[in-house]
């Protein structure tokens, strides 16, 4: 019984991870598109933020990706 419960929890965690990864990719693409509209400085700041503010960029990309995915 414990094994079945653990397998179900693992499948649920995998499904959540896949959805969050999808949001991350969509959000990162959207933020990169917005940064590239600003020119070289925007792209440079975008990559600098990924390097120096990794947790915040990760959260921002997931939030933006979720908002974009939910609006469609």
C-alpha atoms as a PDB file:
ATOM      1  CA  UNK A   1       0.000   0.000   0.000  1.00  0.00           C
ATOM      2  CA  UNK A   2       2.834   2.376   0.829  1.00  0.00           C
ATOM      3  CA  UNK A   3       4.474   1.693  -2.507  1.00  0.00           C
ATOM      4  CA  UNK A   4       1.322   2.526  -4.432  1.00  0.00           C
ATOM      5  CA  UNK A   5       0.958   5.777  -2.526  1.00  0.00           C
ATOM      6  CA  UNK A   6       4.580   6.700  -3.193  1.00  0.00           C
ATOM      7  CA  UNK A   7       4.202   5.935  -6.899  1.00  0.00           C
ATOM      8  CA  UNK A   8       1.073   8.085  -7.103  1.00  0.00           C
ATOM      9  CA  UNK A   9       2.823  10.938  -5.292  1.00  0.00           C
ATOM     10  CA  UNK A  10       5.816  10.611  -7.619  1.00  0.00           C
ATOM     11  CA  UNK A  11       3.539  10.765 -10.668  1.00  0.00           C
ATOM     12  CA  UNK A  12       1.786  13.814  -9.267  1.00  0.00           C
ATOM     13  CA  UNK A  13       5.129  15.503  -8.575  1.00  0.00           C
ATOM     14  CA  UNK A  14       6.289  14.670 -12.114  1.00  0.00           C
ATOM     15  CA  UNK A  15       3.128  16.137 -13.630  1.00  0.00           C
ATOM     16  CA  UNK A  16       3.531  19.326 -11.600  1.00  0.00           C
ATOM     17  CA  UNK A  17       7.208  19.571 -12.590  1.00  0.00           C
ATOM     18  CA  UNK A  18       6.326  19.195 -16.283  1.00  0.00           C
ATOM     19  CA  UNK A  19       3.699  21.938 -16.078  1.00  0.00           C
ATOM     20  CA  UNK A  20       6.078  24.259 -14.212  1.00  0.00           C
ATOM     21  CA  UNK A  21       8.811  23.588 -16.781  1.00  0.00           C
ATOM     22  CA  UNK A  22       6.374  24.456 -19.568  1.00  0.00           C
ATOM     23  CA  UNK A  23       5.538  27.727 -17.805  1.00  0.00           C
ATOM     24  CA  UNK A  24       9.257  28.395 -17.345  1.00  0.00           C
ATOM     25  CA  UNK A  25      10.031  27.948 -21.041  1.00  0.00           C
ATOM     26  CA  UNK A  26       7.068  30.058 -22.173  1.00  0.00           C
ATOM     27  CA  UNK A  27       7.885  32.805 -19.674  1.00  0.00           C
ATOM     28  CA  UNK A  28      11.595  32.841 -20.506  1.00  0.00           C
ATOM     29  CA  UNK A  29      10.806  33.130 -24.202  1.00  0.00           C
ATOM     30  CA  UNK A  30       8.366  35.931 -23.579  1.00  0.00           C
ATOM     31  CA  UNK A  31      10.753  37.872 -21.352  1.00  0.00           C
ATOM     32  CA  UNK A  32      13.585  37.354 -23.848  1.00  0.00           C
ATOM     33  CA  UNK A  33      11.364  38.629 -26.658  1.00  0.00           C
ATOM     34  CA  UNK A  34      10.561  41.714 -24.585  1.00  0.00           C
ATOM     35  CA  UNK A  35      14.243  42.231 -23.725  1.00  0.00           C
ATOM     36  CA  UNK A  36      15.320  41.870 -27.346  1.00  0.00           C
ATOM     37  CA  UNK A  37      12.918  44.664 -28.324  1.00  0.00           C
ATOM     38  CA  UNK A  38      15.071  46.949 -26.163  1.00  0.00           C
ATOM     39  CA  UNK A  39      18.171  46.146 -28.210  1.00  0.00           C
ATOM     40  CA  UNK A  40      21.563  44.931 -27.095  1.00  0.00           C
ATOM     41  CA  UNK A  41      21.273  46.505 -23.639  1.00  0.00           C
ATOM     42  CA  UNK A  42      18.018  44.677 -22.983  1.00  0.00           C
ATOM     43  CA  UNK A  43      19.483  41.310 -23.941  1.00  0.00           C
ATOM     44  CA  UNK A  44      22.617  41.989 -21.902  1.00  0.00           C
ATOM     45  CA  UNK A  45      20.547  42.894 -18.844  1.00  0.00           C
ATOM     46  CA  UNK A  46      18.357  39.811 -19.393  1.00  0.00           C
ATOM     47  CA  UNK A  47      21.354  37.469 -19.300  1.00  0.00           C
ATOM     48  CA  UNK A  48      22.943  39.382 -16.423  1.00  0.00           C
ATOM     49  CA  UNK A  49      19.737  38.954 -14.436  1.00  0.00           C
ATOM     50  CA  UNK A  50      19.776  35.214 -15.135  1.00  0.00           C
ATOM     51  CA  UNK A  51      23.340  35.047 -13.813  1.00  0.00           C
ATOM     52  CA  UNK A  52      23.042  37.296 -10.757  1.00  0.00           C
ATOM     53  CA  UNK A  53      19.334  37.018  -9.891  1.00  0.00           C
ATOM     54  CA  UNK A  54      18.697  33.381 -10.787  1.00  0.00           C
ATOM     55  CA  UNK A  55      15.960  32.588  -8.210  1.00  0.00           C
ATOM     56  CA  UNK A  56      14.052  35.764  -9.015  1.00  0.00           C
ATOM     57  CA  UNK A  57      14.288  35.213 -12.776  1.00  0.00           C
ATOM     58  CA  UNK A  58      13.146  31.624 -12.310  1.00  0.00           C
ATOM     59  CA  UNK A  59      10.094  32.766 -10.368  1.00  0.00           C
ATOM     60  CA  UNK A  60       9.390  35.633 -12.781  1.00  0.00           C
ATOM     61  CA  UNK A  61       9.543  33.351 -15.810  1.00  0.00           C
ATOM     62  CA  UNK A  62       7.204  30.812 -14.223  1.00  0.00           C
ATOM     63  CA  UNK A  63       4.730  33.556 -13.251  1.00  0.00           C
ATOM     64  CA  UNK A  64       4.812  35.192 -16.689  1.00  0.00           C
ATOM     65  CA  UNK A  65       4.543  31.813 -18.407  1.00  0.00           C
ATOM     66  CA  UNK A  66       1.564  30.851 -16.238  1.00  0.00           C
ATOM     67  CA  UNK A  67      -0.201  34.121 -16.976  1.00  0.00           C
ATOM     68  CA  UNK A  68       0.390  33.687 -20.715  1.00  0.00           C
ATOM     69  CA  UNK A  69      -0.739  30.056 -20.669  1.00  0.00           C
ATOM     70  CA  UNK A  70      -3.856  30.838 -18.631  1.00  0.00           C
ATOM     71  CA  UNK A  71      -4.826  33.746 -20.892  1.00  0.00           C
ATOM     72  CA  UNK A  72      -4.890  31.531 -24.014  1.00  0.00           C
END
